[in-house]
Amino acid sequence: MADLEQQFLAASEAIKKLGERPDNDTLLKLYALYKQGSVGDVDGPKPGFFDFVGTAKYEAWAKLKGTARDAAQSKYIELVHSLGA
C-alpha cells in the first residue's frame, strides 16, 4: 500500500510538469480521481448553480462515490502515465 501511495504522490507531482495542458474532460477526470484517491467520497454541499467549474468538479468527483481509495489511486497513476508524465 505504501508503494501505491508513493506512486500516487509521484504522479501528482509529475502531472504538474506536462508540456501541454490536457483538455477539460481529462482535467476533470484527473481532479476526481485525485480527490477520490486522497480524500475519499465527495462530502459537503454541491456548489451553487452559477459556480460552473465548482459544479463540474463536484459532479465528476461524485460519480466516483464508492470507489476504493487504492482503485482511484491506481486509475489516477494510469491516466497520468497515459498523458506522458
C-alpha atoms as a PDB file:
ATOM      1  CA  MET A   1       0.000   0.000   0.000  1.00  0.00           C
ATOM      2  CA  ALA A   2       2.822   2.391   0.832  1.00  0.00           C
ATOM      3  CA  ASP A   3       4.268   1.771  -2.636  1.00  0.00           C
ATOM      4  CA  LEU A   4       0.955   2.710  -4.274  1.00  0.00           C
ATOM      5  CA  GLU A   5       0.782   5.837  -2.107  1.00  0.00           C
ATOM      6  CA  GLN A   6       4.295   6.826  -3.216  1.00  0.00           C
ATOM      7  CA  GLN A   7       3.431   6.256  -6.879  1.00  0.00           C
ATOM      8  CA  PHE A   8       0.260   8.323  -6.407  1.00  0.00           C
ATOM      9  CA  LEU A   9       2.215  11.214  -4.899  1.00  0.00           C
ATOM     10  CA  ALA A  10       4.858  10.962  -7.628  1.00  0.00           C
ATOM     11  CA  ALA A  11       2.134  11.050 -10.301  1.00  0.00           C
ATOM     12  CA  SER A  12       0.547  14.101  -8.686  1.00  0.00           C
ATOM     13  CA  GLU A  13       3.899  15.886  -8.957  1.00  0.00           C
ATOM     14  CA  ALA A  14       4.619  14.614 -12.479  1.00  0.00           C
ATOM     15  CA  ILE A  15       1.307  15.938 -13.820  1.00  0.00           C
ATOM     16  CA  LYS A  16       2.410  19.470 -12.941  1.00  0.00           C
ATOM     17  CA  LYS A  17       5.308  19.152 -15.389  1.00  0.00           C
ATOM     18  CA  LEU A  18       3.338  18.247 -18.501  1.00  0.00           C
ATOM     19  CA  GLY A  19       4.393  20.201 -21.552  1.00  0.00           C
ATOM     20  CA  GLU A  20       0.818  20.577 -22.769  1.00  0.00           C
ATOM     21  CA  ARG A  21      -2.365  21.253 -20.801  1.00  0.00           C
ATOM     22  CA  PRO A  22      -4.854  18.357 -21.049  1.00  0.00           C
ATOM     23  CA  ASP A  23      -8.389  19.005 -22.318  1.00  0.00           C
ATOM     24  CA  ASN A  24     -11.118  19.892 -19.816  1.00  0.00           C
ATOM     25  CA  ASP A  25     -12.621  16.382 -19.705  1.00  0.00           C
ATOM     26  CA  THR A  26      -9.242  14.909 -18.839  1.00  0.00           C
ATOM     27  CA  LEU A  27      -8.656  17.599 -16.225  1.00  0.00           C
ATOM     28  CA  LEU A  28     -11.985  16.721 -14.605  1.00  0.00           C
ATOM     29  CA  LYS A  29     -11.051  13.024 -14.560  1.00  0.00           C
ATOM     30  CA  LEU A  30      -7.692  13.854 -13.019  1.00  0.00           C
ATOM     31  CA  TYR A  31      -9.340  16.045 -10.391  1.00  0.00           C
ATOM     32  CA  ALA A  32     -11.977  13.482  -9.490  1.00  0.00           C
ATOM     33  CA  LEU A  33      -9.533  10.575  -9.291  1.00  0.00           C
ATOM     34  CA  TYR A  34      -7.102  12.637  -7.238  1.00  0.00           C
ATOM     35  CA  LYS A  35      -9.784  13.698  -4.759  1.00  0.00           C
ATOM     36  CA  GLN A  36     -11.220  10.170  -4.501  1.00  0.00           C
ATOM     37  CA  GLY A  37      -7.711   8.744  -4.038  1.00  0.00           C
ATOM     38  CA  SER A  38      -6.671  11.278  -1.433  1.00  0.00           C
ATOM     39  CA  VAL A  39      -9.880  12.230   0.415  1.00  0.00           C
ATOM     40  CA  GLY A  40     -12.431   9.532  -0.388  1.00  0.00           C
ATOM     41  CA  ASP A  41     -16.097  10.025  -1.243  1.00  0.00           C
ATOM     42  CA  VAL A  42     -17.341  13.523  -2.002  1.00  0.00           C
ATOM     43  CA  ASP A  43     -18.637  15.362   1.036  1.00  0.00           C
ATOM     44  CA  GLY A  44     -20.386  18.654   1.604  1.00  0.00           C
ATOM     45  CA  PRO A  45     -22.952  20.610  -0.337  1.00  0.00           C
ATOM     46  CA  LYS A  46     -22.909  20.905  -4.104  1.00  0.00           C
ATOM     47  CA  PRO A  47     -21.678  24.334  -5.274  1.00  0.00           C
ATOM     48  CA  GLY A  48     -24.235  26.900  -6.377  1.00  0.00           C
ATOM     49  CA  PHE A  49     -25.822  26.935  -9.809  1.00  0.00           C
ATOM     50  CA  PHE A  50     -23.633  29.747 -11.152  1.00  0.00           C
ATOM     51  CA  ASP A  51     -20.378  28.142  -9.985  1.00  0.00           C
ATOM     52  CA  PHE A  52     -19.978  26.179 -13.221  1.00  0.00           C
ATOM     53  CA  VAL A  53     -16.419  24.992 -12.590  1.00  0.00           C
ATOM     54  CA  GLY A  54     -17.128  24.040  -8.985  1.00  0.00           C
ATOM     55  CA  THR A  55     -20.264  22.165 -10.004  1.00  0.00           C
ATOM     56  CA  ALA A  56     -18.433  20.274 -12.766  1.00  0.00           C
ATOM     57  CA  LYS A  57     -15.687  19.264 -10.334  1.00  0.00           C
ATOM     58  CA  TYR A  58     -18.204  18.215  -7.687  1.00  0.00           C
ATOM     59  CA  GLU A  59     -20.203  16.121 -10.147  1.00  0.00           C
ATOM     60  CA  ALA A  60     -17.093  14.442 -11.584  1.00  0.00           C
ATOM     61  CA  TRP A  61     -15.959  13.523  -8.079  1.00  0.00           C
ATOM     62  CA  ALA A  62     -19.472  12.401  -7.031  1.00  0.00           C
ATOM     63  CA  LYS A  63     -19.527   9.900  -9.942  1.00  0.00           C
ATOM     64  CA  LEU A  64     -16.681   8.048  -8.213  1.00  0.00           C
ATOM     65  CA  LYS A  65     -18.574   7.644  -4.938  1.00  0.00           C
ATOM     66  CA  GLY A  66     -17.941   4.199  -3.526  1.00  0.00           C
ATOM     67  CA  THR A  67     -14.694   3.693  -5.478  1.00  0.00           C
ATOM     68  CA  ALA A  68     -11.987   2.332  -3.207  1.00  0.00           C
ATOM     69  CA  ARG A  69      -9.132   4.691  -2.456  1.00  0.00           C
ATOM     70  CA  ASP A  70      -6.472   2.361  -3.864  1.00  0.00           C
ATOM     71  CA  ALA A  71      -8.508   1.785  -7.042  1.00  0.00           C
ATOM     72  CA  ALA A  72      -8.824   5.549  -7.582  1.00  0.00           C
ATOM     73  CA  GLN A  73      -5.103   5.991  -6.968  1.00  0.00           C
ATOM     74  CA  SER A  74      -4.267   3.261  -9.494  1.00  0.00           C
ATOM     75  CA  LYS A  75      -6.545   4.803 -12.137  1.00  0.00           C
ATOM     76  CA  TYR A  76      -5.041   8.241 -11.466  1.00  0.00           C
ATOM     77  CA  ILE A  77      -1.499   6.873 -11.918  1.00  0.00           C
ATOM     78  CA  GLU A  78      -2.517   5.140 -15.179  1.00  0.00           C
ATOM     79  CA  LEU A  79      -4.129   8.320 -16.525  1.00  0.00           C
ATOM     80  CA  VAL A  80      -1.105  10.460 -15.640  1.00  0.00           C
ATOM     81  CA  HIS A  81       1.232   7.992 -17.349  1.00  0.00           C
ATOM     82  CA  SER A  82      -1.011   7.862 -20.429  1.00  0.00           C
ATOM     83  CA  LEU A  83      -0.577  11.634 -20.732  1.00  0.00           C
ATOM     84  CA  GLY A  84       3.182  11.208 -20.916  1.00  0.00           C
ATOM     85  CA  ALA A  85       4.048  12.404 -17.431  1.00  0.00           C
END
